């Protein structure tokens, strides 16, 4: 098993991701998460070779600010609940 591929490394990566996403959300920065490309051994090796730090890529993360988003319509609660 390569360095950074053990369960402890995955746990630390998840904790770091949680901190990043919470910080981003507090500033209205939206995230898109992708893991599917990393399931390919050749793609994973290419990304790992291009990293300047040691370790294994755990997830691809894209962050951005949506400047044109508008609130979405919501149905009244009475339309969704019933009295029994």
PDB file of N, CA and C in Angstrom:
ATOM      1  N   UNK A   1       0.843  -1.172   0.000  1.00  0.00           N
ATOM      2  CA  UNK A   1       0.000   0.000   0.000  1.00  0.00           C
ATOM      3  C   UNK A   1       0.895   1.244   0.000  1.00  0.00           C
ATOM      4  N   UNK A   2       0.581   2.182  -0.878  1.00  0.00           N
ATOM      5  CA  UNK A   2       1.367   3.403  -1.000  1.00  0.00           C
ATOM      6  C   UNK A   2       1.140   4.301   0.210  1.00  0.00           C
ATOM      7  N   UNK A   3       2.138   5.127   0.470  1.00  0.00           N
ATOM      8  CA  UNK A   3       2.029   6.095   1.563  1.00  0.00           C
ATOM      9  C   UNK A   3       0.808   6.988   1.313  1.00  0.00           C
ATOM     10  N   UNK A   4      -0.001   7.188   2.333  1.00  0.00           N
ATOM     11  CA  UNK A   4      -1.184   8.004   2.193  1.00  0.00           C
ATOM     12  C   UNK A   4      -2.426   7.250   1.772  1.00  0.00           C
ATOM     13  N   UNK A   5      -2.314   5.937   1.628  1.00  0.00           N
ATOM     14  CA  UNK A   5      -3.454   5.130   1.188  1.00  0.00           C
ATOM     15  C   UNK A   5      -4.081   4.331   2.324  1.00  0.00           C
ATOM     16  N   UNK A   6      -3.645   4.538   3.550  1.00  0.00           N
ATOM     17  CA  UNK A   6      -4.187   3.762   4.667  1.00  0.00           C
ATOM     18  C   UNK A   6      -5.436   4.448   5.230  1.00  0.00           C
ATOM     19  N   UNK A   7      -6.146   3.760   6.123  1.00  0.00           N
ATOM     20  CA  UNK A   7      -7.395   4.275   6.669  1.00  0.00           C
ATOM     21  C   UNK A   7      -7.202   5.578   7.434  1.00  0.00           C
ATOM     22  N   UNK A   8      -6.096   5.694   8.146  1.00  0.00           N
ATOM     23  CA  UNK A   8      -5.818   6.927   8.893  1.00  0.00           C
ATOM     24  C   UNK A   8      -5.666   8.121   7.970  1.00  0.00           C
ATOM     25  N   UNK A   9      -5.024   7.905   6.831  1.00  0.00           N
ATOM     26  CA  UNK A   9      -4.856   8.986   5.853  1.00  0.00           C
ATOM     27  C   UNK A   9      -6.196   9.409   5.267  1.00  0.00           C
ATOM     28  N   UNK A  10      -7.063   8.430   5.006  1.00  0.00           N
ATOM     29  CA  UNK A  10      -8.394   8.749   4.482  1.00  0.00           C
ATOM     30  C   UNK A  10      -9.189   9.530   5.525  1.00  0.00           C
ATOM     31  N   UNK A  11      -9.068   9.163   6.787  1.00  0.00           N
ATOM     32  CA  UNK A  11      -9.762   9.879   7.854  1.00  0.00           C
ATOM     33  C   UNK A  11      -9.280  11.324   7.935  1.00  0.00           C
ATOM     34  N   UNK A  12      -7.972  11.524   7.901  1.00  0.00           N
ATOM     35  CA  UNK A  12      -7.413  12.886   7.964  1.00  0.00           C
ATOM     36  C   UNK A  12      -7.834  13.709   6.751  1.00  0.00           C
ATOM     37  N   UNK A  13      -7.881  13.078   5.603  1.00  0.00           N
ATOM     38  CA  UNK A  13      -8.325  13.785   4.392  1.00  0.00           C
ATOM     39  C   UNK A  13      -9.789  14.205   4.535  1.00  0.00           C
ATOM     40  N   UNK A  14     -10.619  13.340   5.095  1.00  0.00           N
ATOM     41  CA  UNK A  14     -12.028  13.669   5.310  1.00  0.00           C
ATOM     42  C   UNK A  14     -12.200  14.808   6.300  1.00  0.00           C
ATOM     43  N   UNK A  15     -11.399  14.808   7.351  1.00  0.00           N
ATOM     44  CA  UNK A  15     -11.470  15.890   8.333  1.00  0.00           C
ATOM     45  C   UNK A  15     -11.020  17.221   7.717  1.00  0.00           C
ATOM     46  N   UNK A  16      -9.990  17.184   6.911  1.00  0.00           N
ATOM     47  CA  UNK A  16      -9.524  18.397   6.236  1.00  0.00           C
ATOM     48  C   UNK A  16     -10.576  18.898   5.261  1.00  0.00           C
ATOM     49  N   UNK A  17     -11.209  17.990   4.534  1.00  0.00           N
ATOM     50  CA  UNK A  17     -12.262  18.372   3.600  1.00  0.00           C
ATOM     51  C   UNK A  17     -13.433  19.020   4.340  1.00  0.00           C
ATOM     52  N   UNK A  18     -13.803  18.466   5.479  1.00  0.00           N
ATOM     53  CA  UNK A  18     -14.881  19.044   6.274  1.00  0.00           C
ATOM     54  C   UNK A  18     -14.554  20.486   6.657  1.00  0.00           C
ATOM     55  N   UNK A  19     -13.338  20.735   7.111  1.00  0.00           N
ATOM     56  CA  UNK A  19     -12.953  22.097   7.502  1.00  0.00           C
ATOM     57  C   UNK A  19     -12.986  23.047   6.304  1.00  0.00           C
ATOM     58  N   UNK A  20     -12.522  22.580   5.156  1.00  0.00           N
ATOM     59  CA  UNK A  20     -12.532  23.412   3.947  1.00  0.00           C
ATOM     60  C   UNK A  20     -13.963  23.757   3.537  1.00  0.00           C
ATOM     61  N   UNK A  21     -14.840  22.748   3.508  1.00  0.00           N
ATOM     62  CA  UNK A  21     -16.218  22.974   3.072  1.00  0.00           C
ATOM     63  C   UNK A  21     -16.980  23.885   4.031  1.00  0.00           C
ATOM     64  N   UNK A  22     -16.762  23.732   5.334  1.00  0.00           N
ATOM     65  CA  UNK A  22     -17.423  24.610   6.305  1.00  0.00           C
ATOM     66  C   UNK A  22     -16.944  26.047   6.157  1.00  0.00           C
ATOM     67  N   UNK A  23     -15.655  26.216   5.975  1.00  0.00           N
ATOM     68  CA  UNK A  23     -15.099  27.566   5.785  1.00  0.00           C
ATOM     69  C   UNK A  23     -15.629  28.187   4.498  1.00  0.00           C
ATOM     70  N   UNK A  24     -15.660  27.409   3.438  1.00  0.00           N
ATOM     71  CA  UNK A  24     -16.165  27.911   2.158  1.00  0.00           C
ATOM     72  C   UNK A  24     -17.636  28.297   2.269  1.00  0.00           C
ATOM     73  N   UNK A  25     -18.446  27.442   2.877  1.00  0.00           N
ATOM     74  CA  UNK A  25     -19.878  27.711   3.000  1.00  0.00           C
ATOM     75  C   UNK A  25     -20.139  28.975   3.813  1.00  0.00           C
ATOM     76  N   UNK A  26     -19.302  29.238   4.804  1.00  0.00           N
ATOM     77  CA  UNK A  26     -19.498  30.438   5.621  1.00  0.00           C
ATOM     78  C   UNK A  26     -19.227  31.714   4.826  1.00  0.00           C
ATOM     79  N   UNK A  27     -18.597  31.570   3.664  1.00  0.00           N
ATOM     80  CA  UNK A  27     -18.295  32.715   2.803  1.00  0.00           C
ATOM     81  C   UNK A  27     -19.043  32.639   1.463  1.00  0.00           C
ATOM     82  N   UNK A  28     -20.083  31.808   1.396  1.00  0.00           N
ATOM     83  CA  UNK A  28     -20.914  31.628   0.198  1.00  0.00           C
ATOM     84  C   UNK A  28     -20.090  31.172  -1.003  1.00  0.00           C
ATOM     85  N   UNK A  29     -19.106  30.342  -0.746  1.00  0.00           N
ATOM     86  CA  UNK A  29     -18.325  29.714  -1.812  1.00  0.00           C
ATOM     87  C   UNK A  29     -18.873  28.303  -1.968  1.00  0.00           C
ATOM     88  N   UNK A  30     -19.171  27.936  -3.188  1.00  0.00           N
ATOM     89  CA  UNK A  30     -19.768  26.636  -3.461  1.00  0.00           C
ATOM     90  C   UNK A  30     -18.704  25.651  -3.916  1.00  0.00           C
ATOM     91  N   UNK A  31     -18.936  24.368  -3.646  1.00  0.00           N
ATOM     92  CA  UNK A  31     -17.951  23.339  -3.956  1.00  0.00           C
ATOM     93  C   UNK A  31     -18.553  22.256  -4.830  1.00  0.00           C
ATOM     94  N   UNK A  32     -17.713  21.711  -5.705  1.00  0.00           N
ATOM     95  CA  UNK A  32     -18.074  20.530  -6.481  1.00  0.00           C
ATOM     96  C   UNK A  32     -16.992  19.493  -6.192  1.00  0.00           C
ATOM     97  N   UNK A  33     -17.421  18.326  -5.738  1.00  0.00           N
ATOM     98  CA  UNK A  33     -16.499  17.258  -5.348  1.00  0.00           C
ATOM     99  C   UNK A  33     -16.538  16.141  -6.371  1.00  0.00           C
ATOM    100  N   UNK A  34     -15.366  15.622  -6.713  1.00  0.00           N
ATOM    101  CA  UNK A  34     -15.310  14.505  -7.653  1.00  0.00           C
ATOM    102  C   UNK A  34     -14.281  13.485  -7.179  1.00  0.00           C
ATOM    103  N   UNK A  35     -14.668  12.230  -7.215  1.00  0.00           N
ATOM    104  CA  UNK A  35     -13.734  11.149  -6.899  1.00  0.00           C
ATOM    105  C   UNK A  35     -13.629  10.149  -8.041  1.00  0.00           C
ATOM    106  N   UNK A  36     -14.607  10.147  -8.927  1.00  0.00           N
ATOM    107  CA  UNK A  36     -14.640   9.143  -9.996  1.00  0.00           C
ATOM    108  C   UNK A  36     -13.361   9.129 -10.839  1.00  0.00           C
ATOM    109  N   UNK A  37     -12.808  10.277 -11.266  1.00  0.00           N
ATOM    110  CA  UNK A  37     -11.570  10.206 -12.062  1.00  0.00           C
ATOM    111  C   UNK A  37     -10.420   9.524 -11.324  1.00  0.00           C
ATOM    112  N   UNK A  38     -10.414   9.608  -9.996  1.00  0.00           N
ATOM    113  CA  UNK A  38      -9.326   9.010  -9.217  1.00  0.00           C
ATOM    114  C   UNK A  38      -9.450   7.500  -9.103  1.00  0.00           C
ATOM    115  N   UNK A  39     -10.557   6.939  -9.560  1.00  0.00           N
ATOM    116  CA  UNK A  39     -10.716   5.485  -9.520  1.00  0.00           C
ATOM    117  C   UNK A  39      -9.892   4.798 -10.605  1.00  0.00           C
ATOM    118  N   UNK A  40      -9.469   5.557 -11.597  1.00  0.00           N
ATOM    119  CA  UNK A  40      -8.612   5.018 -12.644  1.00  0.00           C
ATOM    120  C   UNK A  40      -7.155   5.102 -12.174  1.00  0.00           C
ATOM    121  N   UNK A  41      -6.478   3.977 -12.152  1.00  0.00           N
ATOM    122  CA  UNK A  41      -5.092   3.944 -11.668  1.00  0.00           C
ATOM    123  C   UNK A  41      -4.177   4.854 -12.484  1.00  0.00           C
ATOM    124  N   UNK A  42      -4.379   4.925 -13.798  1.00  0.00           N
ATOM    125  CA  UNK A  42      -3.510   5.766 -14.631  1.00  0.00           C
ATOM    126  C   UNK A  42      -3.761   7.255 -14.381  1.00  0.00           C
ATOM    127  N   UNK A  43      -5.014   7.640 -14.235  1.00  0.00           N
ATOM    128  CA  UNK A  43      -5.332   9.045 -13.948  1.00  0.00           C
ATOM    129  C   UNK A  43      -4.794   9.422 -12.572  1.00  0.00           C
ATOM    130  N   UNK A  44      -4.999   8.529 -11.608  1.00  0.00           N
ATOM    131  CA  UNK A  44      -4.502   8.768 -10.241  1.00  0.00           C
ATOM    132  C   UNK A  44      -2.982   8.945 -10.246  1.00  0.00           C
ATOM    133  N   UNK A  45      -2.299   8.124 -11.009  1.00  0.00           N
ATOM    134  CA  UNK A  45      -0.829   8.223 -11.092  1.00  0.00           C
ATOM    135  C   UNK A  45      -0.407   9.536 -11.743  1.00  0.00           C
ATOM    136  N   UNK A  46      -1.105   9.962 -12.791  1.00  0.00           N
ATOM    137  CA  UNK A  46      -0.791  11.235 -13.451  1.00  0.00           C
ATOM    138  C   UNK A  46      -0.967  12.408 -12.495  1.00  0.00           C
ATOM    139  N   UNK A  47      -2.071  12.431 -11.774  1.00  0.00           N
ATOM    140  CA  UNK A  47      -2.319  13.527 -10.836  1.00  0.00           C
ATOM    141  C   UNK A  47      -1.290  13.503  -9.724  1.00  0.00           C
ATOM    142  N   UNK A  48      -0.993  12.319  -9.216  1.00  0.00           N
ATOM    143  CA  UNK A  48      -0.002  12.201  -8.133  1.00  0.00           C
ATOM    144  C   UNK A  48       1.367  12.693  -8.593  1.00  0.00           C
ATOM    145  N   UNK A  49       1.733  12.393  -9.838  1.00  0.00           N
ATOM    146  CA  UNK A  49       3.032  12.818 -10.364  1.00  0.00           C
ATOM    147  C   UNK A  49       3.112  14.339 -10.520  1.00  0.00           C
ATOM    148  N   UNK A  50       1.974  14.993 -10.738  1.00  0.00           N
ATOM    149  CA  UNK A  50       1.985  16.440 -10.935  1.00  0.00           C
ATOM    150  C   UNK A  50       1.917  17.229  -9.625  1.00  0.00           C
ATOM    151  N   UNK A  51       1.677  16.556  -8.504  1.00  0.00           N
ATOM    152  CA  UNK A  51       1.611  17.241  -7.216  1.00  0.00           C
ATOM    153  C   UNK A  51       2.999  17.649  -6.739  1.00  0.00           C
ATOM    154  N   UNK A  52       3.072  18.793  -6.081  1.00  0.00           N
ATOM    155  CA  UNK A  52       4.363  19.237  -5.551  1.00  0.00           C
ATOM    156  C   UNK A  52       4.607  18.701  -4.150  1.00  0.00           C
ATOM    157  N   UNK A  53       3.564  18.194  -3.503  1.00  0.00           N
ATOM    158  CA  UNK A  53       3.732  17.619  -2.174  1.00  0.00           C
ATOM    159  C   UNK A  53       3.627  16.098  -2.262  1.00  0.00           C
ATOM    160  N   UNK A  54       4.054  15.443  -1.213  1.00  0.00           N
ATOM    161  CA  UNK A  54       3.960  13.985  -1.194  1.00  0.00           C
ATOM    162  C   UNK A  54       2.545  13.583  -0.803  1.00  0.00           C
ATOM    163  N   UNK A  55       2.218  12.345  -0.994  1.00  0.00           N
ATOM    164  CA  UNK A  55       0.896  11.851  -0.644  1.00  0.00           C
ATOM    165  C   UNK A  55       0.105  11.468  -1.873  1.00  0.00           C
ATOM    166  N   UNK A  56      -1.109  11.038  -1.624  1.00  0.00           N
ATOM    167  CA  UNK A  56      -1.993  10.576  -2.691  1.00  0.00           C
ATOM    168  C   UNK A  56      -3.203  11.488  -2.800  1.00  0.00           C
ATOM    169  N   UNK A  57      -3.639  11.779  -4.011  1.00  0.00           N
ATOM    170  CA  UNK A  57      -4.864  12.577  -4.155  1.00  0.00           C
ATOM    171  C   UNK A  57      -6.058  11.772  -3.655  1.00  0.00           C
ATOM    172  N   UNK A  58      -6.895  12.405  -2.858  1.00  0.00           N
ATOM    173  CA  UNK A  58      -8.073  11.741  -2.308  1.00  0.00           C
ATOM    174  C   UNK A  58      -9.345  12.199  -3.009  1.00  0.00           C
ATOM    175  N   UNK A  59      -9.333  13.437  -3.527  1.00  0.00           N
ATOM    176  CA  UNK A  59     -10.537  14.001  -4.123  1.00  0.00           C
ATOM    177  C   UNK A  59     -10.151  15.195  -4.980  1.00  0.00           C
ATOM    178  N   UNK A  60     -10.931  15.411  -6.029  1.00  0.00           N
ATOM    179  CA  UNK A  60     -10.790  16.621  -6.831  1.00  0.00           C
ATOM    180  C   UNK A  60     -11.847  17.590  -6.335  1.00  0.00           C
ATOM    181  N   UNK A  61     -11.451  18.817  -6.060  1.00  0.00           N
ATOM    182  CA  UNK A  61     -12.330  19.800  -5.452  1.00  0.00           C
ATOM    183  C   UNK A  61     -12.296  21.081  -6.265  1.00  0.00           C
ATOM    184  N   UNK A  62     -13.467  21.533  -6.688  1.00  0.00           N
ATOM    185  CA  UNK A  62     -13.580  22.790  -7.422  1.00  0.00           C
ATOM    186  C   UNK A  62     -14.392  23.750  -6.562  1.00  0.00           C
ATOM    187  N   UNK A  63     -13.835  24.943  -6.337  1.00  0.00           N
ATOM    188  CA  UNK A  63     -14.511  25.954  -5.532  1.00  0.00           C
ATOM    189  C   UNK A  63     -14.834  27.155  -6.399  1.00  0.00           C
ATOM    190  N   UNK A  64     -15.982  27.777  -6.135  1.00  0.00           N
ATOM    191  CA  UNK A  64     -16.346  28.963  -6.901  1.00  0.00           C
ATOM    192  C   UNK A  64     -17.486  29.719  -6.244  1.00  0.00           C
ATOM    193  N   UNK A  65     -17.613  30.972  -6.631  1.00  0.00           N
ATOM    194  CA  UNK A  65     -18.670  31.832  -6.123  1.00  0.00           C
ATOM    195  C   UNK A  65     -19.720  31.982  -7.216  1.00  0.00           C
ATOM    196  N   UNK A  66     -20.966  31.716  -6.882  1.00  0.00           N
ATOM    197  CA  UNK A  66     -22.057  31.893  -7.831  1.00  0.00           C
ATOM    198  C   UNK A  66     -22.623  33.296  -7.646  1.00  0.00           C
ATOM    199  N   UNK A  67     -22.332  34.151  -8.575  1.00  0.00           N
ATOM    200  CA  UNK A  67     -22.766  35.542  -8.457  1.00  0.00           C
ATOM    201  C   UNK A  67     -24.158  35.783  -9.035  1.00  0.00           C
ATOM    202  N   UNK A  68     -24.695  34.835  -9.767  1.00  0.00           N
ATOM    203  CA  UNK A  68     -25.984  35.046 -10.424  1.00  0.00           C
ATOM    204  C   UNK A  68     -27.093  34.173  -9.851  1.00  0.00           C
ATOM    205  N   UNK A  69     -26.851  33.542  -8.747  1.00  0.00           N
ATOM    206  CA  UNK A  69     -27.883  32.658  -8.196  1.00  0.00           C
ATOM    207  C   UNK A  69     -29.010  33.484  -7.586  1.00  0.00           C
ATOM    208  N   UNK A  70     -30.217  32.960  -7.756  1.00  0.00           N
ATOM    209  CA  UNK A  70     -31.412  33.595  -7.195  1.00  0.00           C
ATOM    210  C   UNK A  70     -32.095  32.589  -6.288  1.00  0.00           C
ATOM    211  N   UNK A  71     -32.873  33.073  -5.331  1.00  0.00           N
ATOM    212  CA  UNK A  71     -33.611  32.133  -4.477  1.00  0.00           C
ATOM    213  C   UNK A  71     -34.569  31.299  -5.325  1.00  0.00           C
ATOM    214  N   UNK A  72     -34.744  30.052  -4.946  1.00  0.00           N
ATOM    215  CA  UNK A  72     -35.682  29.183  -5.652  1.00  0.00           C
ATOM    216  C   UNK A  72     -37.049  29.254  -4.989  1.00  0.00           C
ATOM    217  N   UNK A  73     -38.084  29.026  -5.767  1.00  0.00           N
ATOM    218  CA  UNK A  73     -39.454  29.062  -5.247  1.00  0.00           C
ATOM    219  C   UNK A  73     -39.671  27.917  -4.269  1.00  0.00           C
ATOM    220  N   UNK A  74     -40.439  28.168  -3.253  1.00  0.00           N
ATOM    221  CA  UNK A  74     -40.763  27.143  -2.258  1.00  0.00           C
ATOM    222  C   UNK A  74     -42.269  26.981  -2.191  1.00  0.00           C
ATOM    223  N   UNK A  75     -42.702  25.744  -2.022  1.00  0.00           N
ATOM    224  CA  UNK A  75     -44.133  25.478  -1.863  1.00  0.00           C
ATOM    225  C   UNK A  75     -44.531  25.808  -0.426  1.00  0.00           C
ATOM    226  N   UNK A  76     -45.740  26.290  -0.213  1.00  0.00           N
ATOM    227  CA  UNK A  76     -46.228  26.542   1.145  1.00  0.00           C
ATOM    228  C   UNK A  76     -46.255  25.250   1.954  1.00  0.00           C
ATOM    229  N   UNK A  77     -45.963  25.340   3.249  1.00  0.00           N
ATOM    230  CA  UNK A  77     -45.943  24.158   4.098  1.00  0.00           C
ATOM    231  C   UNK A  77     -47.277  23.428   4.089  1.00  0.00           C
ATOM    232  N   UNK A  78     -48.383  24.179   3.968  1.00  0.00           N
ATOM    233  CA  UNK A  78     -49.710  23.562   3.948  1.00  0.00           C
ATOM    234  C   UNK A  78     -49.914  22.617   2.773  1.00  0.00           C
ATOM    235  N   UNK A  79     -49.179  22.843   1.684  1.00  0.00           N
ATOM    236  CA  UNK A  79     -49.263  21.946   0.521  1.00  0.00           C
ATOM    237  C   UNK A  79     -48.545  20.630   0.755  1.00  0.00           C
ATOM    238  N   UNK A  80     -47.681  20.598   1.737  1.00  0.00           N
ATOM    239  CA  UNK A  80     -46.836  19.424   1.952  1.00  0.00           C
ATOM    240  C   UNK A  80     -47.233  18.601   3.165  1.00  0.00           C
ATOM    241  N   UNK A  81     -48.072  19.162   4.032  1.00  0.00           N
ATOM    242  CA  UNK A  81     -48.447  18.443   5.263  1.00  0.00           C
ATOM    243  C   UNK A  81     -49.948  18.162   5.282  1.00  0.00           C
ATOM    244  N   UNK A  82     -50.318  17.171   6.042  1.00  0.00           N
ATOM    245  CA  UNK A  82     -51.732  16.841   6.215  1.00  0.00           C
ATOM    246  C   UNK A  82     -52.024  16.656   7.694  1.00  0.00           C
ATOM    247  N   UNK A  83     -53.248  16.909   8.071  1.00  0.00           N
ATOM    248  CA  UNK A  83     -53.689  16.675   9.454  1.00  0.00           C
ATOM    249  C   UNK A  83     -54.369  15.310   9.505  1.00  0.00           C
ATOM    250  N   UNK A  84     -53.955  14.469  10.406  1.00  0.00           N
ATOM    251  CA  UNK A  84     -54.561  13.136  10.555  1.00  0.00           C
ATOM    252  C   UNK A  84     -55.070  12.947  11.936  1.00  0.00           C
TER     253      UNK A  84
END
